[in-house]
Every structure is written in structure tokens, then in C-alpha cells.
N, C-alpha and C. Protein backbone atom coordinates (compact mmCIF):
# COMPACT_ATOMS: atom_id res chain seq x y z
N UNK A 1 -17.46 113.41 91.52
CA UNK A 1 -16.42 112.50 91.96
C UNK A 1 -15.07 112.90 91.36
N UNK A 2 -15.07 113.28 90.07
CA UNK A 2 -13.80 113.61 89.42
C UNK A 2 -13.05 114.71 90.15
N UNK A 3 -13.73 115.78 90.49
CA UNK A 3 -13.10 116.89 91.18
C UNK A 3 -12.61 116.54 92.56
N UNK A 4 -13.27 115.61 93.20
CA UNK A 4 -12.89 115.22 94.55
C UNK A 4 -11.60 114.41 94.57
N UNK A 5 -11.27 113.73 93.49
CA UNK A 5 -10.08 112.88 93.47
C UNK A 5 -8.82 113.68 93.75
N UNK A 6 -8.71 114.88 93.20
CA UNK A 6 -7.51 115.68 93.47
C UNK A 6 -7.45 116.07 94.94
N UNK A 7 -8.60 116.33 95.54
CA UNK A 7 -8.64 116.64 96.97
C UNK A 7 -8.23 115.42 97.79
N UNK A 8 -8.76 114.28 97.42
CA UNK A 8 -8.44 113.04 98.14
C UNK A 8 -6.97 112.67 97.99
N UNK A 9 -6.40 112.97 96.81
CA UNK A 9 -4.98 112.65 96.59
C UNK A 9 -4.08 113.39 97.56
N UNK A 10 -4.54 114.54 98.03
CA UNK A 10 -3.73 115.35 98.95
C UNK A 10 -3.89 114.90 100.40
N UNK A 11 -4.64 113.84 100.63
CA UNK A 11 -4.85 113.35 102.00
C UNK A 11 -4.35 111.92 102.11
N UNK A 12 -4.42 111.41 103.29
CA UNK A 12 -4.01 110.02 103.51
C UNK A 12 -5.10 109.04 103.06
N UNK A 13 -6.28 109.54 102.75
CA UNK A 13 -7.39 108.67 102.36
C UNK A 13 -7.15 107.95 101.04
N UNK A 14 -6.33 108.51 100.16
CA UNK A 14 -6.12 107.92 98.84
C UNK A 14 -5.53 106.52 98.94
N UNK A 15 -4.93 106.18 100.07
CA UNK A 15 -4.38 104.84 100.21
C UNK A 15 -5.47 103.78 100.34
N UNK A 16 -6.68 104.19 100.58
CA UNK A 16 -7.77 103.23 100.64
C UNK A 16 -8.04 102.68 99.25
N UNK A 17 -8.17 101.38 99.13
CA UNK A 17 -8.36 100.72 97.84
C UNK A 17 -9.59 101.24 97.12
N UNK A 18 -10.69 101.38 97.84
CA UNK A 18 -11.93 101.78 97.17
C UNK A 18 -11.85 103.21 96.63
N UNK A 19 -11.09 104.10 97.24
CA UNK A 19 -10.92 105.45 96.70
C UNK A 19 -10.13 105.42 95.41
N UNK A 20 -9.10 104.61 95.35
CA UNK A 20 -8.33 104.46 94.12
C UNK A 20 -9.21 103.93 92.99
N UNK A 21 -10.06 102.96 93.31
CA UNK A 21 -10.98 102.40 92.31
C UNK A 21 -12.00 103.44 91.86
N UNK A 22 -12.51 104.19 92.82
CA UNK A 22 -13.50 105.23 92.50
C UNK A 22 -12.89 106.30 91.60
N UNK A 23 -11.70 106.74 91.92
CA UNK A 23 -11.04 107.76 91.10
C UNK A 23 -10.69 107.23 89.71
N UNK A 24 -10.31 105.98 89.61
CA UNK A 24 -10.02 105.37 88.31
C UNK A 24 -11.30 105.31 87.47
N UNK A 25 -12.41 104.96 88.09
CA UNK A 25 -13.70 104.88 87.40
C UNK A 25 -14.16 106.27 86.97
N UNK A 26 -13.90 107.28 87.79
CA UNK A 26 -14.33 108.64 87.47
C UNK A 26 -13.73 109.14 86.16
N UNK A 27 -12.55 108.66 85.81
CA UNK A 27 -11.90 109.09 84.57
C UNK A 27 -12.65 108.60 83.33
N UNK A 28 -13.52 107.59 83.50
CA UNK A 28 -14.25 107.04 82.36
C UNK A 28 -15.65 107.63 82.23
N UNK A 29 -16.01 108.56 83.08
CA UNK A 29 -17.35 109.14 83.06
C UNK A 29 -17.40 110.37 82.14
N UNK A 30 -18.56 110.63 81.55
CA UNK A 30 -18.68 111.82 80.71
C UNK A 30 -18.65 113.09 81.55
N UNK A 31 -18.34 114.21 80.92
CA UNK A 31 -18.37 115.48 81.65
C UNK A 31 -19.78 115.78 82.16
N UNK A 32 -19.86 116.40 83.32
CA UNK A 32 -21.15 116.69 83.95
C UNK A 32 -21.22 118.17 84.34
N UNK A 33 -22.45 118.66 84.59
CA UNK A 33 -22.59 120.06 85.01
C UNK A 33 -21.70 120.38 86.21
N UNK A 34 -21.11 121.57 86.14
CA UNK A 34 -20.18 122.03 87.16
C UNK A 34 -18.73 121.84 86.76
N UNK A 35 -18.48 120.98 85.77
CA UNK A 35 -17.12 120.75 85.29
C UNK A 35 -16.83 121.63 84.08
N UNK A 36 -15.56 121.88 83.84
CA UNK A 36 -15.15 122.59 82.63
C UNK A 36 -15.29 121.63 81.46
N UNK A 37 -15.85 122.12 80.37
CA UNK A 37 -16.00 121.30 79.17
C UNK A 37 -14.62 121.08 78.57
N UNK A 38 -14.31 119.85 78.14
CA UNK A 38 -12.98 119.59 77.57
C UNK A 38 -12.71 120.47 76.35
N UNK A 39 -11.52 121.04 76.28
CA UNK A 39 -11.16 121.82 75.11
C UNK A 39 -11.07 120.85 73.92
N UNK A 40 -11.37 121.35 72.76
CA UNK A 40 -11.39 120.48 71.59
C UNK A 40 -11.09 121.31 70.35
N UNK A 41 -10.63 120.62 69.34
CA UNK A 41 -10.52 121.20 68.01
C UNK A 41 -11.30 120.29 67.09
N UNK A 42 -12.26 120.86 66.40
CA UNK A 42 -13.13 120.07 65.54
C UNK A 42 -12.98 120.48 64.09
N UNK A 43 -13.01 119.49 63.18
CA UNK A 43 -12.93 119.80 61.76
C UNK A 43 -14.28 120.30 61.24
N UNK A 44 -14.28 121.50 60.69
CA UNK A 44 -15.48 122.02 60.05
C UNK A 44 -15.65 121.35 58.70
N UNK A 45 -16.83 121.43 58.15
CA UNK A 45 -17.12 120.68 56.92
C UNK A 45 -16.32 121.10 55.70
N UNK A 46 -15.87 122.34 55.67
CA UNK A 46 -15.19 122.80 54.46
C UNK A 46 -13.69 122.97 54.65
N UNK A 47 -13.09 122.10 55.49
CA UNK A 47 -11.64 122.03 55.59
C UNK A 47 -10.99 122.81 56.71
N UNK A 48 -11.67 123.77 57.27
CA UNK A 48 -11.11 124.53 58.38
C UNK A 48 -11.39 123.78 59.68
N UNK A 49 -10.97 124.33 60.80
CA UNK A 49 -11.27 123.71 62.09
C UNK A 49 -11.64 124.82 63.07
N UNK A 50 -12.24 124.41 64.16
CA UNK A 50 -12.65 125.37 65.19
C UNK A 50 -12.23 124.83 66.55
N UNK A 51 -11.69 125.72 67.35
CA UNK A 51 -11.31 125.36 68.71
C UNK A 51 -12.42 125.77 69.65
N UNK A 52 -12.77 124.87 70.54
CA UNK A 52 -13.84 125.17 71.50
C UNK A 52 -13.52 126.37 72.34
N UNK A 53 -12.28 126.51 72.75
CA UNK A 53 -11.93 127.65 73.60
C UNK A 53 -12.06 128.97 72.86
N UNK A 54 -11.92 128.97 71.54
CA UNK A 54 -12.08 130.21 70.79
C UNK A 54 -13.55 130.52 70.53
N UNK A 55 -14.38 129.53 70.52
CA UNK A 55 -15.80 129.72 70.25
C UNK A 55 -16.56 130.10 71.50
N UNK A 56 -16.19 129.53 72.63
CA UNK A 56 -16.86 129.82 73.89
C UNK A 56 -16.47 131.23 74.33
N UNK A 57 -17.38 131.89 74.96
CA UNK A 57 -17.10 133.24 75.41
C UNK A 57 -18.34 134.08 75.39
N UNK A 58 -19.35 133.61 74.69
CA UNK A 58 -20.64 134.28 74.69
C UNK A 58 -21.34 133.97 76.02
N UNK A 59 -22.53 134.47 76.19
CA UNK A 59 -23.27 134.20 77.43
C UNK A 59 -23.53 132.71 77.61
N UNK A 60 -23.93 132.06 76.53
CA UNK A 60 -24.31 130.65 76.62
C UNK A 60 -23.97 129.97 75.30
N UNK A 61 -23.33 128.83 75.37
CA UNK A 61 -22.96 128.07 74.17
C UNK A 61 -23.57 126.69 74.26
N UNK A 62 -24.25 126.29 73.20
CA UNK A 62 -24.82 124.95 73.10
C UNK A 62 -23.94 124.12 72.17
N UNK A 63 -23.39 123.03 72.68
CA UNK A 63 -22.67 122.07 71.85
C UNK A 63 -23.68 120.98 71.52
N UNK A 64 -24.10 120.96 70.26
CA UNK A 64 -25.16 120.07 69.80
C UNK A 64 -24.56 118.86 69.09
N UNK A 65 -24.86 117.67 69.58
CA UNK A 65 -24.34 116.43 69.01
C UNK A 65 -25.50 115.73 68.30
N UNK A 66 -25.36 115.57 67.00
CA UNK A 66 -26.47 115.09 66.20
C UNK A 66 -25.98 114.31 65.00
N UNK A 67 -26.89 113.89 64.11
CA UNK A 67 -26.54 113.24 62.85
C UNK A 67 -27.65 113.47 61.84
N UNK A 68 -27.29 113.45 60.57
CA UNK A 68 -28.27 113.69 59.51
C UNK A 68 -29.32 112.58 59.44
N UNK A 69 -28.97 111.39 59.89
CA UNK A 69 -29.88 110.24 59.83
C UNK A 69 -30.71 110.07 61.10
N UNK A 70 -30.55 110.95 62.07
CA UNK A 70 -31.23 110.86 63.36
C UNK A 70 -32.51 111.69 63.32
N UNK A 71 -33.67 111.03 63.25
CA UNK A 71 -34.95 111.74 63.15
C UNK A 71 -35.21 112.68 64.34
N UNK A 72 -34.99 112.24 65.60
CA UNK A 72 -35.20 113.18 66.70
C UNK A 72 -34.26 114.40 66.64
N UNK A 73 -33.04 114.18 66.16
CA UNK A 73 -32.09 115.29 66.01
C UNK A 73 -32.61 116.30 65.00
N UNK A 74 -33.10 115.80 63.90
CA UNK A 74 -33.58 116.66 62.82
C UNK A 74 -34.81 117.46 63.25
N UNK A 75 -35.70 116.81 64.00
CA UNK A 75 -36.87 117.54 64.52
C UNK A 75 -36.43 118.66 65.46
N UNK A 76 -35.45 118.34 66.32
CA UNK A 76 -34.97 119.35 67.25
C UNK A 76 -34.29 120.51 66.52
N UNK A 77 -33.57 120.21 65.44
CA UNK A 77 -32.96 121.27 64.64
C UNK A 77 -33.99 122.31 64.24
N UNK A 78 -35.07 121.86 63.64
CA UNK A 78 -36.05 122.78 63.07
C UNK A 78 -37.02 123.35 64.11
N UNK A 79 -37.41 122.55 65.09
CA UNK A 79 -38.44 123.03 66.02
C UNK A 79 -37.88 123.75 67.24
N UNK A 80 -36.61 123.51 67.58
CA UNK A 80 -36.06 124.10 68.80
C UNK A 80 -34.82 124.94 68.52
N UNK A 81 -33.81 124.37 67.87
CA UNK A 81 -32.53 125.08 67.75
C UNK A 81 -32.60 126.31 66.86
N UNK A 82 -33.22 126.19 65.69
CA UNK A 82 -33.30 127.34 64.80
C UNK A 82 -34.07 128.49 65.46
N UNK A 83 -35.23 128.23 66.08
CA UNK A 83 -35.92 129.34 66.77
C UNK A 83 -35.09 129.95 67.91
N UNK A 84 -34.38 129.12 68.68
CA UNK A 84 -33.54 129.66 69.74
C UNK A 84 -32.43 130.53 69.17
N UNK A 85 -31.79 130.06 68.12
CA UNK A 85 -30.73 130.82 67.47
C UNK A 85 -31.27 132.16 66.97
N UNK A 86 -32.39 132.10 66.26
CA UNK A 86 -32.97 133.33 65.71
C UNK A 86 -33.30 134.34 66.80
N UNK A 87 -33.75 133.87 67.93
CA UNK A 87 -34.17 134.77 69.00
C UNK A 87 -32.99 135.31 69.81
N UNK A 88 -31.95 134.48 70.06
CA UNK A 88 -30.93 134.86 71.04
C UNK A 88 -29.51 135.03 70.52
N UNK A 89 -29.22 134.72 69.26
CA UNK A 89 -27.81 134.78 68.86
C UNK A 89 -27.23 136.19 68.92
N UNK A 90 -28.04 137.20 68.74
CA UNK A 90 -27.53 138.58 68.85
C UNK A 90 -27.32 139.01 70.30
N UNK A 91 -27.78 138.18 71.23
CA UNK A 91 -27.63 138.48 72.66
C UNK A 91 -26.54 137.63 73.32
N UNK A 92 -25.80 136.86 72.54
CA UNK A 92 -24.69 136.09 73.09
C UNK A 92 -24.93 134.60 73.19
N UNK A 93 -25.96 134.09 72.53
CA UNK A 93 -26.21 132.65 72.49
C UNK A 93 -25.50 132.08 71.27
N UNK A 94 -24.71 131.05 71.48
CA UNK A 94 -23.97 130.41 70.40
C UNK A 94 -24.31 128.93 70.34
N UNK A 95 -24.19 128.38 69.15
CA UNK A 95 -24.36 126.94 68.95
C UNK A 95 -23.19 126.47 68.11
N UNK A 96 -22.68 125.31 68.42
CA UNK A 96 -21.77 124.62 67.52
C UNK A 96 -22.31 123.20 67.39
N UNK A 97 -22.49 122.78 66.15
CA UNK A 97 -23.00 121.45 65.88
C UNK A 97 -21.87 120.49 65.56
N UNK A 98 -22.03 119.26 66.02
CA UNK A 98 -21.09 118.20 65.66
C UNK A 98 -21.92 117.00 65.24
N UNK A 99 -21.71 116.56 64.01
CA UNK A 99 -22.52 115.48 63.44
C UNK A 99 -21.76 114.16 63.39
N UNK A 100 -22.45 113.12 63.75
CA UNK A 100 -21.93 111.75 63.71
C UNK A 100 -22.30 111.17 62.35
N UNK A 101 -21.63 111.64 61.32
CA UNK A 101 -21.95 111.25 59.95
C UNK A 101 -20.72 110.72 59.25
N UNK A 102 -20.95 110.03 58.14
CA UNK A 102 -19.82 109.56 57.33
C UNK A 102 -19.85 110.16 55.93
N UNK A 103 -20.95 110.79 55.55
CA UNK A 103 -21.08 111.35 54.22
C UNK A 103 -21.23 112.87 54.30
N UNK A 104 -20.29 113.57 53.66
CA UNK A 104 -20.40 115.03 53.67
C UNK A 104 -21.62 115.49 52.87
N UNK A 105 -21.95 114.77 51.81
CA UNK A 105 -23.09 115.17 50.99
C UNK A 105 -24.40 115.04 51.78
N UNK A 106 -24.59 113.92 52.46
CA UNK A 106 -25.80 113.74 53.26
C UNK A 106 -25.89 114.76 54.39
N UNK A 107 -24.77 115.05 55.00
CA UNK A 107 -24.74 116.03 56.09
C UNK A 107 -25.04 117.42 55.56
N UNK A 108 -24.41 117.80 54.46
CA UNK A 108 -24.66 119.12 53.89
C UNK A 108 -26.12 119.28 53.46
N UNK A 109 -26.72 118.22 52.93
CA UNK A 109 -28.15 118.28 52.58
C UNK A 109 -29.01 118.50 53.81
N UNK A 110 -28.72 117.80 54.90
CA UNK A 110 -29.48 117.95 56.14
C UNK A 110 -29.31 119.36 56.71
N UNK A 111 -28.10 119.88 56.68
CA UNK A 111 -27.83 121.24 57.18
C UNK A 111 -28.66 122.26 56.40
N UNK A 112 -28.66 122.13 55.08
CA UNK A 112 -29.42 123.06 54.25
C UNK A 112 -30.93 122.91 54.49
N UNK A 113 -31.42 121.70 54.53
CA UNK A 113 -32.86 121.46 54.71
C UNK A 113 -33.34 121.93 56.07
N UNK A 114 -32.54 121.71 57.11
CA UNK A 114 -32.95 122.08 58.47
C UNK A 114 -32.67 123.54 58.81
N UNK A 115 -31.86 124.22 58.01
CA UNK A 115 -31.54 125.62 58.27
C UNK A 115 -30.53 125.82 59.38
N UNK A 116 -29.69 124.81 59.62
CA UNK A 116 -28.72 124.92 60.72
C UNK A 116 -27.33 125.35 60.24
N UNK A 117 -27.23 125.83 59.03
CA UNK A 117 -25.97 126.36 58.54
C UNK A 117 -25.67 127.74 59.09
N UNK A 118 -26.56 128.25 59.92
CA UNK A 118 -26.37 129.57 60.54
C UNK A 118 -25.25 129.55 61.57
N UNK A 119 -24.92 128.37 62.09
CA UNK A 119 -23.84 128.24 63.08
C UNK A 119 -22.86 127.19 62.60
N UNK A 120 -21.66 127.16 63.16
CA UNK A 120 -20.65 126.21 62.69
C UNK A 120 -21.10 124.76 62.85
N UNK A 121 -20.80 123.97 61.84
CA UNK A 121 -21.10 122.54 61.85
C UNK A 121 -19.80 121.79 61.60
N UNK A 122 -19.54 120.82 62.46
CA UNK A 122 -18.30 120.05 62.37
C UNK A 122 -18.61 118.57 62.32
N UNK A 123 -17.67 117.80 61.83
CA UNK A 123 -17.75 116.35 61.83
C UNK A 123 -16.41 115.79 61.39
N UNK A 124 -16.05 114.66 61.97
CA UNK A 124 -14.87 113.95 61.49
C UNK A 124 -15.22 113.10 60.27
N UNK A 125 -16.53 112.99 59.97
CA UNK A 125 -17.04 112.20 58.85
C UNK A 125 -16.51 110.76 58.89
N UNK A 126 -16.52 110.18 60.09
CA UNK A 126 -16.08 108.81 60.28
C UNK A 126 -17.21 107.93 60.79
N UNK A 127 -18.45 108.37 60.60
CA UNK A 127 -19.59 107.57 61.05
C UNK A 127 -19.57 107.36 62.55
N UNK A 128 -19.77 106.13 62.95
CA UNK A 128 -19.84 105.80 64.37
C UNK A 128 -18.50 105.90 65.09
N UNK A 129 -17.42 106.06 64.33
CA UNK A 129 -16.09 106.18 64.95
C UNK A 129 -15.79 107.67 65.06
N UNK A 130 -16.06 108.24 66.21
CA UNK A 130 -15.89 109.67 66.38
C UNK A 130 -14.97 109.96 67.56
N UNK A 131 -13.80 110.53 67.30
CA UNK A 131 -12.90 110.86 68.40
C UNK A 131 -13.55 111.83 69.40
N UNK A 132 -14.40 112.73 68.91
CA UNK A 132 -15.06 113.69 69.80
C UNK A 132 -16.07 112.97 70.70
N UNK A 133 -16.85 112.06 70.14
CA UNK A 133 -17.80 111.29 70.95
C UNK A 133 -17.06 110.42 71.95
N UNK A 134 -15.94 109.84 71.53
CA UNK A 134 -15.15 109.03 72.46
C UNK A 134 -14.62 109.87 73.61
N UNK A 135 -14.17 111.07 73.29
CA UNK A 135 -13.63 111.94 74.34
C UNK A 135 -14.71 112.34 75.34
N UNK A 136 -15.93 112.56 74.83
CA UNK A 136 -17.05 112.94 75.71
C UNK A 136 -17.75 111.73 76.31
N UNK A 137 -17.38 110.54 75.85
CA UNK A 137 -18.01 109.30 76.31
C UNK A 137 -19.51 109.30 76.02
N UNK A 138 -19.86 109.74 74.81
CA UNK A 138 -21.24 109.82 74.34
C UNK A 138 -21.54 108.57 73.53
N UNK A 139 -22.69 107.97 73.79
CA UNK A 139 -23.06 106.78 73.01
C UNK A 139 -24.42 106.91 72.35
N UNK A 140 -25.18 107.96 72.66
CA UNK A 140 -26.49 108.14 72.04
C UNK A 140 -26.67 109.60 71.63
N UNK A 141 -27.50 109.79 70.61
CA UNK A 141 -27.86 111.13 70.16
C UNK A 141 -29.36 111.20 70.01
N UNK A 142 -29.95 112.36 70.05
CA UNK A 142 -29.32 113.66 70.23
C UNK A 142 -28.79 113.83 71.64
N UNK A 143 -27.74 114.61 71.73
CA UNK A 143 -27.14 114.95 73.02
C UNK A 143 -26.65 116.39 72.92
N UNK A 144 -26.49 117.03 74.06
CA UNK A 144 -25.97 118.40 74.03
C UNK A 144 -25.39 118.79 75.38
N UNK A 145 -24.59 119.83 75.34
CA UNK A 145 -24.01 120.45 76.52
C UNK A 145 -24.25 121.95 76.41
N UNK A 146 -24.64 122.55 77.51
CA UNK A 146 -24.77 124.00 77.59
C UNK A 146 -23.65 124.53 78.47
N UNK A 147 -22.90 125.50 77.94
CA UNK A 147 -21.71 126.02 78.60
C UNK A 147 -21.85 127.51 78.89
N UNK A 148 -21.39 127.92 80.06
CA UNK A 148 -21.40 129.35 80.37
C UNK A 148 -20.24 130.03 79.65
N UNK A 149 -20.06 131.31 79.91
CA UNK A 149 -19.04 132.07 79.20
C UNK A 149 -17.61 131.72 79.59
N UNK A 150 -17.45 130.83 80.57
CA UNK A 150 -16.13 130.34 80.96
C UNK A 150 -15.91 128.89 80.54
N UNK A 151 -16.87 128.31 79.81
CA UNK A 151 -16.75 126.93 79.37
C UNK A 151 -17.14 125.91 80.43
N UNK A 152 -17.83 126.35 81.48
CA UNK A 152 -18.30 125.44 82.51
C UNK A 152 -19.66 124.89 82.08
N UNK A 153 -19.84 123.61 82.23
CA UNK A 153 -21.10 122.98 81.85
C UNK A 153 -22.17 123.40 82.86
N UNK A 154 -23.23 124.02 82.36
CA UNK A 154 -24.32 124.44 83.24
C UNK A 154 -25.52 123.50 83.12
N UNK A 155 -25.59 122.74 82.04
CA UNK A 155 -26.66 121.75 81.86
C UNK A 155 -26.26 120.84 80.70
N UNK A 156 -26.90 119.68 80.65
CA UNK A 156 -26.65 118.78 79.52
C UNK A 156 -27.90 117.99 79.20
N UNK A 157 -28.00 117.62 77.95
CA UNK A 157 -29.08 116.78 77.44
C UNK A 157 -30.47 117.32 77.74
N UNK A 158 -30.64 118.61 77.50
CA UNK A 158 -31.97 119.22 77.56
C UNK A 158 -32.49 119.28 76.13
N UNK A 159 -33.77 118.98 75.96
CA UNK A 159 -34.34 118.94 74.62
C UNK A 159 -35.73 119.57 74.60
N UNK A 160 -36.15 119.98 73.41
CA UNK A 160 -37.50 120.48 73.20
C UNK A 160 -37.83 121.66 74.09
N UNK A 161 -39.02 121.61 74.67
CA UNK A 161 -39.52 122.71 75.49
C UNK A 161 -38.63 122.97 76.71
N UNK A 162 -38.08 121.91 77.29
CA UNK A 162 -37.19 122.07 78.45
C UNK A 162 -35.95 122.88 78.05
N UNK A 163 -35.39 122.60 76.90
CA UNK A 163 -34.23 123.35 76.41
C UNK A 163 -34.62 124.80 76.15
N UNK A 164 -35.74 125.02 75.50
CA UNK A 164 -36.21 126.38 75.22
C UNK A 164 -36.38 127.17 76.51
N UNK A 165 -37.01 126.56 77.51
CA UNK A 165 -37.23 127.25 78.78
C UNK A 165 -35.91 127.54 79.49
N UNK A 166 -34.97 126.60 79.44
CA UNK A 166 -33.68 126.82 80.08
C UNK A 166 -32.95 127.99 79.41
N UNK A 167 -32.85 127.98 78.08
CA UNK A 167 -32.14 129.03 77.37
C UNK A 167 -32.82 130.38 77.61
N UNK A 168 -34.14 130.42 77.54
CA UNK A 168 -34.86 131.66 77.77
C UNK A 168 -34.59 132.21 79.17
N UNK A 169 -34.65 131.35 80.17
CA UNK A 169 -34.38 131.77 81.54
C UNK A 169 -32.94 132.23 81.72
N UNK A 170 -32.02 131.48 81.18
CA UNK A 170 -30.59 131.81 81.32
C UNK A 170 -30.27 133.13 80.64
N UNK A 171 -30.78 133.33 79.45
CA UNK A 171 -30.50 134.55 78.70
C UNK A 171 -31.13 135.76 79.37
N UNK A 172 -32.27 135.59 80.01
CA UNK A 172 -32.91 136.74 80.65
C UNK A 172 -32.22 137.09 81.97
N UNK A 173 -31.57 136.11 82.61
CA UNK A 173 -30.87 136.36 83.87
C UNK A 173 -29.51 137.02 83.66
N UNK A 174 -28.85 136.72 82.58
CA UNK A 174 -27.48 137.20 82.36
C UNK A 174 -27.50 138.51 81.66
């Protein structure tokens, strides 16, 4: 719907009330496959920052949204993400983690325990108040976005075996 609004704006149809309402509502929806992922700058844990546009460019990038206190997130870190990273990072698979945490100590402990310090980890360390989550309109975790080498969303919210199969298939095709 979001992409169609610019097309509709160029026609006489935009004068219809329901199209205006639909386009207004589309602005409140999270990014979906086929759309460009919003550019972002995220604070890394040790004071630096990372721009999404500078990180994207590999064959496939996973933007992983998680938290140190989220049990399903932690299981996915160790059982899915670390094995995928180990297998494909030399072939152009990238991960950037963003944690919905408020304590740097708790987050750093989780990163070390789960072995996810192999890829960049970011957080605003504001707990449930996350400008990045607000921008993506995310309300639950674990969540993720898979981006192609141009930053286009190719899939979202794949987990476990489904995520492994998707990454394996994508990496073997490209």
C-alpha cells in the first residue's frame, strides 16, 4: 500500500476520501518485504555508532532485534544465529544486532554468554523506549529483517529452522 500511494497521488483518484485515509494509515505500518529498509544510525555498545547504509552491501544482512532478558531471543542466538554466522559470514552474510535493553552490563553478559559478539551489537539502552523500535513500529521480540545487498527487505520475522533454510537457500542462489 505504501508504494502505491505515490502512484495514486499522481492521479485523480487521490481525491477519494478512502484513498487519503488508506495512505495516511500506510505511514503507520512497519516496513514489509519488497520495501527499502529505513536507513538508520545505531549506537554501538562501546560509544561508536553504525549506519545501516554502510553495513548493508553484503549478499544478505540480518537485522536482529532482541533483548538479553528475552528467552526465545537467547535460544535463537545460540541455536540459529551463531551457526549461520559461522557458516556464511565469509560468503557475504552479515548480522547486526539491536537489543531492547536498559543495562549495558546485562547486555554485555548476554553477548558474551551467547557468543554474539562476532557481529556488531547496538542499543540505545533505554529499555522499552527505543527510537529504533518506534521507527520500525516493532512491538514484540524476537524480530528480524533480512535485507538484500541493496537494502531491500527480502523477508522478515523468520526464526529457527525456517530462518536457517531461508539463509541457506539465499546464499546458495547468489
